[in-house]
Amino acid sequence: MAEIRNMFDTYATVPESPPNTQLSFSDEQKEADTGALHYYLSQSREKMAKAVADDPEKQQTNWFEKLTAVLSQLGEPPQPSTKKAAARPFAPSGGKNVHYEEFMKKMAKVDTDYLKSHNIFYAHGKTKTMAPTLYYVAARLHQDLDVEKLFHFMLKTAQPVISKK
């Protein structure tokens, strides 16, 4: 799995001269995001307490006590909103991800059809809301699989589903 982590690190690297685009979020969006974070941290407090109690290394720092104090000061969290979140402008380069495009261009002629038979990643069926369902089965991974080819196959398989949105 270190190979996959290294690959994600490679494609997550920010170029030396990124486009100078200022991202801005409305105060309403910031408030909604802060409320959601407060809610999910509050909901996960017991799980985090158990994780801290089970790991002596995590007990040496007092991050959990600080988090608990802040959450107590904030009081009851707001209930999460049921409305859909607004689209966020994460792709500053005109809606395009340069690393993604370079990777897909580089891998365009690579044959990934043999990966289909491994059933590691595939689209099958729909949810109750008629959204396509994608499956990733990590148990079917093998050491001899080329991670870049697998990653390309996953992106290529997911691309039609994602582009429909």
N, C-alpha and C. Protein backbone atom coordinates (compact mmCIF):
# COMPACT_ATOMS: atom_id res chain seq x y z
N MET A 1 0.80 -1.19 0.00
CA MET A 1 0.00 0.00 0.00
C MET A 1 0.86 1.27 0.00
N ALA A 2 2.13 1.11 0.29
CA ALA A 2 3.03 2.27 0.27
C ALA A 2 3.12 2.84 -1.15
N GLU A 3 3.04 1.95 -2.15
CA GLU A 3 3.08 2.42 -3.53
C GLU A 3 1.90 3.33 -3.84
N ILE A 4 0.72 2.96 -3.37
CA ILE A 4 -0.47 3.77 -3.61
C ILE A 4 -0.32 5.11 -2.91
N ARG A 5 0.17 5.10 -1.66
CA ARG A 5 0.35 6.34 -0.92
C ARG A 5 1.34 7.24 -1.65
N ASN A 6 2.45 6.67 -2.15
CA ASN A 6 3.44 7.46 -2.88
C ASN A 6 2.85 8.04 -4.16
N MET A 7 2.00 7.27 -4.81
CA MET A 7 1.39 7.75 -6.04
C MET A 7 0.45 8.93 -5.76
N PHE A 8 -0.35 8.81 -4.70
CA PHE A 8 -1.22 9.92 -4.33
C PHE A 8 -0.39 11.14 -3.96
N ASP A 9 0.72 10.93 -3.24
CA ASP A 9 1.59 12.05 -2.88
C ASP A 9 2.15 12.73 -4.12
N THR A 10 2.51 11.94 -5.12
CA THR A 10 3.06 12.50 -6.35
C THR A 10 2.05 13.40 -7.05
N TYR A 11 0.80 12.93 -7.15
CA TYR A 11 -0.21 13.70 -7.87
C TYR A 11 -0.87 14.78 -7.01
N ALA A 12 -0.55 14.80 -5.74
CA ALA A 12 -1.09 15.85 -4.87
C ALA A 12 -0.11 17.01 -4.72
N THR A 13 1.04 16.90 -5.35
CA THR A 13 2.04 17.95 -5.26
C THR A 13 1.57 19.20 -5.98
N VAL A 14 1.74 20.32 -5.29
CA VAL A 14 1.35 21.60 -5.88
C VAL A 14 2.50 22.07 -6.77
N PRO A 15 2.20 22.50 -8.00
CA PRO A 15 3.26 22.98 -8.88
C PRO A 15 3.96 24.20 -8.28
N GLU A 16 5.20 24.44 -8.72
CA GLU A 16 5.98 25.55 -8.19
C GLU A 16 5.32 26.89 -8.46
N SER A 17 4.67 27.01 -9.60
CA SER A 17 4.01 28.27 -9.91
C SER A 17 2.52 28.02 -10.14
N PRO A 18 1.78 27.82 -9.03
CA PRO A 18 0.34 27.57 -9.20
C PRO A 18 -0.37 28.82 -9.70
N PRO A 19 -1.50 28.63 -10.33
CA PRO A 19 -2.26 29.79 -10.80
C PRO A 19 -2.64 30.66 -9.61
N ASN A 20 -2.61 31.95 -9.81
CA ASN A 20 -2.92 32.89 -8.74
C ASN A 20 -4.43 33.13 -8.72
N THR A 21 -5.15 32.18 -8.14
CA THR A 21 -6.59 32.28 -8.06
C THR A 21 -6.98 32.29 -6.59
N GLN A 22 -7.74 33.25 -6.21
CA GLN A 22 -8.18 33.39 -4.83
C GLN A 22 -9.48 32.62 -4.64
N LEU A 23 -9.49 31.67 -3.72
CA LEU A 23 -10.72 30.96 -3.42
C LEU A 23 -11.47 31.75 -2.36
N SER A 24 -12.75 31.86 -2.55
CA SER A 24 -13.53 32.57 -1.54
C SER A 24 -14.80 31.79 -1.26
N PHE A 25 -15.17 31.77 0.00
CA PHE A 25 -16.37 31.09 0.43
C PHE A 25 -17.25 32.10 1.15
N SER A 26 -18.53 31.95 0.99
CA SER A 26 -19.45 32.87 1.64
C SER A 26 -19.43 32.62 3.15
N ASP A 27 -19.84 33.63 3.90
CA ASP A 27 -19.92 33.47 5.35
C ASP A 27 -20.91 32.37 5.72
N GLU A 28 -21.95 32.24 4.92
CA GLU A 28 -22.94 31.19 5.15
C GLU A 28 -22.31 29.81 4.99
N GLN A 29 -21.47 29.65 3.94
CA GLN A 29 -20.81 28.37 3.72
C GLN A 29 -19.82 28.07 4.84
N LYS A 30 -19.06 29.08 5.27
CA LYS A 30 -18.11 28.90 6.36
C LYS A 30 -18.84 28.47 7.64
N GLU A 31 -19.95 29.11 7.92
CA GLU A 31 -20.75 28.80 9.10
C GLU A 31 -21.27 27.36 9.03
N ALA A 32 -21.76 26.97 7.85
CA ALA A 32 -22.28 25.61 7.66
C ALA A 32 -21.17 24.58 7.84
N ASP A 33 -20.00 24.85 7.29
CA ASP A 33 -18.88 23.92 7.41
C ASP A 33 -18.40 23.80 8.86
N THR A 34 -18.34 24.92 9.56
CA THR A 34 -17.93 24.91 10.96
C THR A 34 -18.94 24.14 11.80
N GLY A 35 -20.22 24.36 11.53
CA GLY A 35 -21.26 23.63 12.25
C GLY A 35 -21.19 22.14 12.00
N ALA A 36 -20.94 21.76 10.75
CA ALA A 36 -20.84 20.33 10.41
C ALA A 36 -19.63 19.70 11.10
N LEU A 37 -18.52 20.42 11.12
CA LEU A 37 -17.32 19.92 11.80
C LEU A 37 -17.61 19.74 13.29
N HIS A 38 -18.25 20.72 13.89
CA HIS A 38 -18.62 20.64 15.32
C HIS A 38 -19.51 19.41 15.56
N TYR A 39 -20.50 19.21 14.72
CA TYR A 39 -21.41 18.09 14.86
C TYR A 39 -20.67 16.75 14.77
N TYR A 40 -19.86 16.58 13.74
CA TYR A 40 -19.19 15.29 13.54
C TYR A 40 -18.11 15.02 14.59
N LEU A 41 -17.44 16.05 15.06
CA LEU A 41 -16.48 15.86 16.15
C LEU A 41 -17.21 15.45 17.43
N SER A 42 -18.34 16.09 17.70
CA SER A 42 -19.12 15.74 18.89
C SER A 42 -19.64 14.31 18.80
N GLN A 43 -20.10 13.92 17.62
CA GLN A 43 -20.62 12.57 17.43
C GLN A 43 -19.53 11.51 17.56
N SER A 44 -18.30 11.88 17.27
CA SER A 44 -17.19 10.92 17.27
C SER A 44 -16.38 10.95 18.57
N ARG A 45 -16.83 11.73 19.53
CA ARG A 45 -16.05 11.89 20.77
C ARG A 45 -15.81 10.57 21.48
N GLU A 46 -16.83 9.70 21.57
CA GLU A 46 -16.66 8.42 22.26
C GLU A 46 -15.65 7.53 21.54
N LYS A 47 -15.71 7.49 20.22
CA LYS A 47 -14.76 6.68 19.45
C LYS A 47 -13.34 7.19 19.64
N MET A 48 -13.18 8.52 19.65
CA MET A 48 -11.85 9.08 19.86
C MET A 48 -11.35 8.78 21.27
N ALA A 49 -12.24 8.84 22.26
CA ALA A 49 -11.85 8.53 23.64
C ALA A 49 -11.39 7.09 23.75
N LYS A 50 -12.09 6.18 23.07
CA LYS A 50 -11.70 4.77 23.08
C LYS A 50 -10.34 4.58 22.41
N ALA A 51 -10.13 5.27 21.28
CA ALA A 51 -8.85 5.16 20.57
C ALA A 51 -7.70 5.68 21.43
N VAL A 52 -7.93 6.77 22.14
CA VAL A 52 -6.90 7.32 23.02
C VAL A 52 -6.62 6.37 24.18
N ALA A 53 -7.68 5.79 24.74
CA ALA A 53 -7.51 4.87 25.86
C ALA A 53 -6.78 3.59 25.44
N ASP A 54 -6.99 3.16 24.21
CA ASP A 54 -6.36 1.91 23.73
C ASP A 54 -4.91 2.08 23.31
N ASP A 55 -4.48 3.30 23.04
CA ASP A 55 -3.12 3.53 22.53
C ASP A 55 -2.33 4.41 23.51
N PRO A 56 -1.38 3.81 24.24
CA PRO A 56 -0.61 4.58 25.23
C PRO A 56 0.17 5.74 24.61
N GLU A 57 0.55 5.61 23.35
CA GLU A 57 1.29 6.67 22.68
C GLU A 57 0.42 7.93 22.52
N LYS A 58 -0.87 7.72 22.25
CA LYS A 58 -1.79 8.84 22.09
C LYS A 58 -2.13 9.50 23.42
N GLN A 59 -1.92 8.77 24.53
CA GLN A 59 -2.22 9.32 25.85
C GLN A 59 -1.17 10.33 26.29
N GLN A 60 0.01 10.30 25.67
CA GLN A 60 1.08 11.20 26.07
C GLN A 60 0.81 12.64 25.68
N THR A 61 0.01 12.86 24.68
CA THR A 61 -0.33 14.22 24.29
C THR A 61 -1.71 14.54 24.84
N ASN A 62 -2.01 15.81 25.00
CA ASN A 62 -3.29 16.18 25.58
C ASN A 62 -4.25 16.77 24.54
N TRP A 63 -4.13 16.34 23.30
CA TRP A 63 -4.99 16.86 22.24
C TRP A 63 -6.45 16.55 22.50
N PHE A 64 -6.70 15.35 23.04
CA PHE A 64 -8.10 14.97 23.25
C PHE A 64 -8.74 15.81 24.35
N GLU A 65 -7.98 16.09 25.41
CA GLU A 65 -8.51 16.94 26.48
C GLU A 65 -8.81 18.35 25.96
N LYS A 66 -7.91 18.87 25.12
CA LYS A 66 -8.12 20.20 24.55
C LYS A 66 -9.36 20.21 23.65
N LEU A 67 -9.50 19.18 22.83
CA LEU A 67 -10.66 19.08 21.95
C LEU A 67 -11.94 18.99 22.77
N THR A 68 -11.94 18.18 23.82
CA THR A 68 -13.11 18.03 24.68
C THR A 68 -13.47 19.36 25.34
N ALA A 69 -12.45 20.11 25.78
CA ALA A 69 -12.70 21.41 26.41
C ALA A 69 -13.33 22.39 25.42
N VAL A 70 -12.81 22.42 24.20
CA VAL A 70 -13.35 23.32 23.18
C VAL A 70 -14.79 22.94 22.84
N LEU A 71 -15.04 21.64 22.65
CA LEU A 71 -16.39 21.19 22.33
C LEU A 71 -17.36 21.50 23.47
N SER A 72 -16.90 21.38 24.72
CA SER A 72 -17.75 21.71 25.86
C SER A 72 -18.08 23.21 25.88
N GLN A 73 -17.10 24.03 25.56
CA GLN A 73 -17.32 25.48 25.52
C GLN A 73 -18.31 25.85 24.42
N LEU A 74 -18.28 25.13 23.31
CA LEU A 74 -19.16 25.43 22.19
C LEU A 74 -20.61 25.01 22.46
N GLY A 75 -20.79 24.07 23.36
CA GLY A 75 -22.14 23.61 23.68
C GLY A 75 -22.65 22.58 22.68
N GLU A 76 -23.96 22.48 22.60
CA GLU A 76 -24.59 21.51 21.69
C GLU A 76 -24.30 21.88 20.24
N PRO A 77 -23.92 20.89 19.44
CA PRO A 77 -23.67 21.20 18.02
C PRO A 77 -24.97 21.37 17.25
N PRO A 78 -24.94 22.15 16.18
CA PRO A 78 -26.13 22.27 15.34
C PRO A 78 -26.35 20.97 14.59
N GLN A 79 -27.58 20.68 14.28
CA GLN A 79 -27.89 19.48 13.50
C GLN A 79 -27.42 19.69 12.06
N PRO A 80 -26.91 18.65 11.43
CA PRO A 80 -26.42 18.82 10.06
C PRO A 80 -27.55 19.19 9.12
N SER A 81 -27.21 19.97 8.14
CA SER A 81 -28.18 20.43 7.16
C SER A 81 -28.52 19.29 6.21
N THR A 82 -29.77 19.24 5.81
CA THR A 82 -30.18 18.20 4.86
C THR A 82 -30.10 18.68 3.42
N LYS A 83 -29.88 19.99 3.24
CA LYS A 83 -29.77 20.49 1.87
C LYS A 83 -28.38 20.16 1.33
N LYS A 84 -28.30 20.02 0.03
CA LYS A 84 -27.04 19.70 -0.62
C LYS A 84 -26.06 20.84 -0.52
N ALA A 85 -24.80 20.50 -0.31
CA ALA A 85 -23.77 21.52 -0.24
C ALA A 85 -23.56 22.15 -1.61
N ALA A 86 -23.25 23.40 -1.62
CA ALA A 86 -22.99 24.10 -2.88
C ALA A 86 -21.67 23.62 -3.46
N ALA A 87 -21.58 23.65 -4.76
CA ALA A 87 -20.34 23.26 -5.41
C ALA A 87 -19.23 24.22 -5.01
N ARG A 88 -18.08 23.67 -4.72
CA ARG A 88 -16.96 24.49 -4.28
C ARG A 88 -15.93 24.61 -5.38
N PRO A 89 -15.35 25.75 -5.52
CA PRO A 89 -14.39 25.97 -6.60
C PRO A 89 -13.00 25.44 -6.26
N PHE A 90 -12.84 24.10 -6.27
CA PHE A 90 -11.55 23.53 -5.90
C PHE A 90 -10.55 23.49 -7.04
N ALA A 91 -11.00 23.61 -8.26
CA ALA A 91 -10.10 23.53 -9.39
C ALA A 91 -9.84 24.95 -9.91
N PRO A 92 -8.79 25.59 -9.42
CA PRO A 92 -8.55 26.97 -9.77
C PRO A 92 -8.12 27.19 -11.22
N SER A 93 -7.66 26.16 -11.90
CA SER A 93 -7.15 26.35 -13.26
C SER A 93 -8.26 26.19 -14.29
N GLY A 94 -9.31 26.96 -14.14
CA GLY A 94 -10.39 26.92 -15.13
C GLY A 94 -11.17 25.63 -15.08
N GLY A 95 -11.27 25.00 -13.92
CA GLY A 95 -12.03 23.78 -13.78
C GLY A 95 -11.27 22.54 -14.21
N LYS A 96 -9.97 22.66 -14.46
CA LYS A 96 -9.19 21.51 -14.91
C LYS A 96 -8.10 21.18 -13.89
N ASN A 97 -7.87 19.90 -13.71
CA ASN A 97 -6.81 19.43 -12.85
C ASN A 97 -5.65 19.02 -13.75
N VAL A 98 -4.60 19.80 -13.72
CA VAL A 98 -3.47 19.59 -14.63
C VAL A 98 -2.82 18.23 -14.42
N HIS A 99 -2.62 17.85 -13.16
CA HIS A 99 -1.98 16.56 -12.88
C HIS A 99 -2.84 15.39 -13.37
N TYR A 100 -4.14 15.51 -13.18
CA TYR A 100 -5.06 14.48 -13.64
C TYR A 100 -4.97 14.35 -15.16
N GLU A 101 -5.03 15.47 -15.85
CA GLU A 101 -4.98 15.44 -17.31
C GLU A 101 -3.66 14.87 -17.82
N GLU A 102 -2.55 15.26 -17.18
CA GLU A 102 -1.24 14.73 -17.58
C GLU A 102 -1.18 13.23 -17.36
N PHE A 103 -1.68 12.76 -16.23
CA PHE A 103 -1.66 11.34 -15.91
C PHE A 103 -2.51 10.57 -16.92
N MET A 104 -3.71 11.06 -17.19
CA MET A 104 -4.60 10.36 -18.12
C MET A 104 -4.02 10.35 -19.53
N LYS A 105 -3.36 11.44 -19.92
CA LYS A 105 -2.73 11.51 -21.24
C LYS A 105 -1.57 10.51 -21.33
N LYS A 106 -0.77 10.46 -20.27
CA LYS A 106 0.38 9.55 -20.23
C LYS A 106 -0.07 8.09 -20.29
N MET A 107 -1.19 7.78 -19.63
CA MET A 107 -1.65 6.40 -19.53
C MET A 107 -2.67 6.02 -20.62
N ALA A 108 -2.97 6.93 -21.54
CA ALA A 108 -4.03 6.71 -22.52
C ALA A 108 -3.84 5.44 -23.34
N LYS A 109 -2.62 5.13 -23.71
CA LYS A 109 -2.38 3.97 -24.58
C LYS A 109 -2.11 2.69 -23.80
N VAL A 110 -2.13 2.76 -22.47
CA VAL A 110 -1.86 1.59 -21.63
C VAL A 110 -3.11 0.70 -21.58
N ASP A 111 -2.90 -0.60 -21.80
CA ASP A 111 -4.00 -1.55 -21.78
C ASP A 111 -4.34 -1.92 -20.34
N THR A 112 -5.56 -1.64 -19.93
CA THR A 112 -6.00 -1.98 -18.57
C THR A 112 -7.18 -2.95 -18.59
N ASP A 113 -7.49 -3.50 -19.76
CA ASP A 113 -8.64 -4.39 -19.88
C ASP A 113 -8.51 -5.63 -19.00
N TYR A 114 -7.29 -6.12 -18.80
CA TYR A 114 -7.10 -7.32 -17.99
C TYR A 114 -7.51 -7.08 -16.53
N LEU A 115 -7.51 -5.82 -16.08
CA LEU A 115 -7.88 -5.52 -14.69
C LEU A 115 -9.39 -5.70 -14.46
N LYS A 116 -10.15 -5.64 -15.52
CA LYS A 116 -11.60 -5.80 -15.39
C LYS A 116 -11.94 -7.18 -14.83
N SER A 117 -11.19 -8.19 -15.24
CA SER A 117 -11.47 -9.56 -14.78
C SER A 117 -11.12 -9.78 -13.31
N HIS A 118 -10.28 -8.91 -12.74
CA HIS A 118 -9.91 -9.04 -11.33
C HIS A 118 -11.02 -8.55 -10.39
N ASN A 119 -11.96 -7.77 -10.91
CA ASN A 119 -13.07 -7.22 -10.12
C ASN A 119 -12.59 -6.50 -8.86
N ILE A 120 -11.56 -5.71 -9.01
CA ILE A 120 -11.05 -4.89 -7.90
C ILE A 120 -11.88 -3.62 -7.80
N PHE A 121 -12.18 -3.03 -8.95
CA PHE A 121 -12.97 -1.80 -9.01
C PHE A 121 -13.92 -1.93 -10.18
N TYR A 122 -15.20 -1.73 -9.90
CA TYR A 122 -16.18 -1.86 -10.96
C TYR A 122 -17.47 -1.10 -10.62
N ALA A 123 -18.22 -0.79 -11.64
CA ALA A 123 -19.52 -0.14 -11.48
C ALA A 123 -20.58 -1.22 -11.67
N HIS A 124 -21.54 -1.25 -10.73
CA HIS A 124 -22.60 -2.25 -10.85
C HIS A 124 -23.83 -1.78 -10.08
N GLY A 125 -24.93 -1.67 -10.75
CA GLY A 125 -26.19 -1.34 -10.10
C GLY A 125 -26.33 0.14 -9.78
N LYS A 126 -27.42 0.45 -9.10
CA LYS A 126 -27.72 1.83 -8.72
C LYS A 126 -28.29 1.85 -7.31
N THR A 127 -28.19 3.00 -6.67
CA THR A 127 -28.77 3.19 -5.35
C THR A 127 -30.26 3.44 -5.48
N LYS A 128 -30.95 3.62 -4.35
CA LYS A 128 -32.38 3.91 -4.38
C LYS A 128 -32.67 5.21 -5.11
N THR A 129 -31.71 6.13 -5.07
CA THR A 129 -31.89 7.42 -5.76
C THR A 129 -31.39 7.37 -7.19
N MET A 130 -31.13 6.17 -7.70
CA MET A 130 -30.69 5.93 -9.07
C MET A 130 -29.28 6.44 -9.37
N ALA A 131 -28.47 6.62 -8.35
CA ALA A 131 -27.07 7.00 -8.55
C ALA A 131 -26.27 5.73 -8.82
N PRO A 132 -25.37 5.74 -9.79
CA PRO A 132 -24.56 4.55 -10.07
C PRO A 132 -23.70 4.18 -8.86
N THR A 133 -23.48 2.89 -8.67
CA THR A 133 -22.70 2.41 -7.53
C THR A 133 -21.36 1.89 -8.02
N LEU A 134 -20.29 2.39 -7.41
CA LEU A 134 -18.93 1.94 -7.71
C LEU A 134 -18.42 1.10 -6.55
N TYR A 135 -17.76 0.00 -6.85
CA TYR A 135 -17.25 -0.89 -5.82
C TYR A 135 -15.73 -0.97 -5.92
N TYR A 136 -15.07 -0.93 -4.76
CA TYR A 136 -13.62 -1.13 -4.66
C TYR A 136 -13.42 -2.26 -3.66
N VAL A 137 -12.80 -3.37 -4.10
CA VAL A 137 -12.60 -4.53 -3.25
C VAL A 137 -11.09 -4.71 -3.06
N ALA A 138 -10.59 -4.17 -1.96
CA ALA A 138 -9.15 -4.19 -1.69
C ALA A 138 -8.63 -5.60 -1.45
N ALA A 139 -9.48 -6.50 -1.01
CA ALA A 139 -9.04 -7.87 -0.75
C ALA A 139 -8.58 -8.58 -2.03
N ARG A 140 -8.98 -8.06 -3.18
CA ARG A 140 -8.61 -8.68 -4.46
C ARG A 140 -7.32 -8.11 -5.04
N LEU A 141 -6.69 -7.21 -4.32
CA LEU A 141 -5.41 -6.65 -4.79
C LEU A 141 -4.31 -7.72 -4.69
N HIS A 142 -3.38 -7.67 -5.61
CA HIS A 142 -2.25 -8.59 -5.60
C HIS A 142 -0.97 -7.77 -5.71
N GLN A 143 0.10 -8.28 -5.16
CA GLN A 143 1.37 -7.57 -5.20
C GLN A 143 1.87 -7.37 -6.63
N ASP A 144 1.52 -8.26 -7.53
CA ASP A 144 2.05 -8.18 -8.89
C ASP A 144 1.31 -7.18 -9.78
N LEU A 145 0.25 -6.55 -9.28
CA LEU A 145 -0.47 -5.56 -10.07
C LEU A 145 0.29 -4.23 -10.10
N ASP A 146 0.33 -3.63 -11.26
CA ASP A 146 0.95 -2.31 -11.41
C ASP A 146 -0.01 -1.27 -10.86
N VAL A 147 0.43 -0.54 -9.84
CA VAL A 147 -0.43 0.41 -9.15
C VAL A 147 -0.87 1.54 -10.07
N GLU A 148 0.02 2.03 -10.91
CA GLU A 148 -0.35 3.12 -11.82
C GLU A 148 -1.41 2.65 -12.80
N LYS A 149 -1.29 1.43 -13.30
CA LYS A 149 -2.29 0.91 -14.23
C LYS A 149 -3.62 0.74 -13.51
N LEU A 150 -3.58 0.27 -12.25
CA LEU A 150 -4.79 0.10 -11.48
C LEU A 150 -5.45 1.46 -11.22
N PHE A 151 -4.66 2.44 -10.86
CA PHE A 151 -5.18 3.77 -10.60
C PHE A 151 -5.82 4.34 -11.87
N HIS A 152 -5.15 4.16 -13.00
CA HIS A 152 -5.70 4.62 -14.28
C HIS A 152 -7.01 3.91 -14.59
N PHE A 153 -7.04 2.61 -14.37
CA PHE A 153 -8.26 1.84 -14.62
C PHE A 153 -9.40 2.34 -13.74
N MET A 154 -9.11 2.64 -12.47
CA MET A 154 -10.14 3.13 -11.54
C MET A 154 -10.67 4.50 -12.00
N LEU A 155 -9.77 5.37 -12.39
CA LEU A 155 -10.20 6.69 -12.87
C LEU A 155 -11.01 6.57 -14.15
N LYS A 156 -10.56 5.71 -15.06
CA LYS A 156 -11.25 5.52 -16.33
C LYS A 156 -12.64 4.92 -16.11
N THR A 157 -12.76 4.02 -15.15
CA THR A 157 -14.05 3.40 -14.85
C THR A 157 -14.99 4.40 -14.20
N ALA A 158 -14.46 5.23 -13.32
CA ALA A 158 -15.29 6.21 -12.59
C ALA A 158 -15.62 7.44 -13.42
N GLN A 159 -14.84 7.72 -14.43
CA GLN A 159 -15.00 8.96 -15.20
C GLN A 159 -16.41 9.14 -15.78
N PRO A 160 -17.02 8.14 -16.39
CA PRO A 160 -18.38 8.34 -16.93
C PRO A 160 -19.41 8.64 -15.82
N VAL A 161 -19.22 8.03 -14.67
CA VAL A 161 -20.15 8.24 -13.55
C VAL A 161 -19.99 9.67 -13.01
N ILE A 162 -18.76 10.11 -12.85
CA ILE A 162 -18.48 11.42 -12.30
C ILE A 162 -18.89 12.53 -13.28
N SER A 163 -18.66 12.31 -14.56
CA SER A 163 -18.95 13.36 -15.54
C SER A 163 -20.45 13.56 -15.75
N LYS A 164 -21.28 12.63 -15.30
CA LYS A 164 -22.74 12.77 -15.43
C LYS A 164 -23.30 13.79 -14.46
N LYS A 165 -22.56 14.11 -13.41
CA LYS A 165 -23.07 15.01 -12.38
C LYS A 165 -23.09 16.43 -12.85
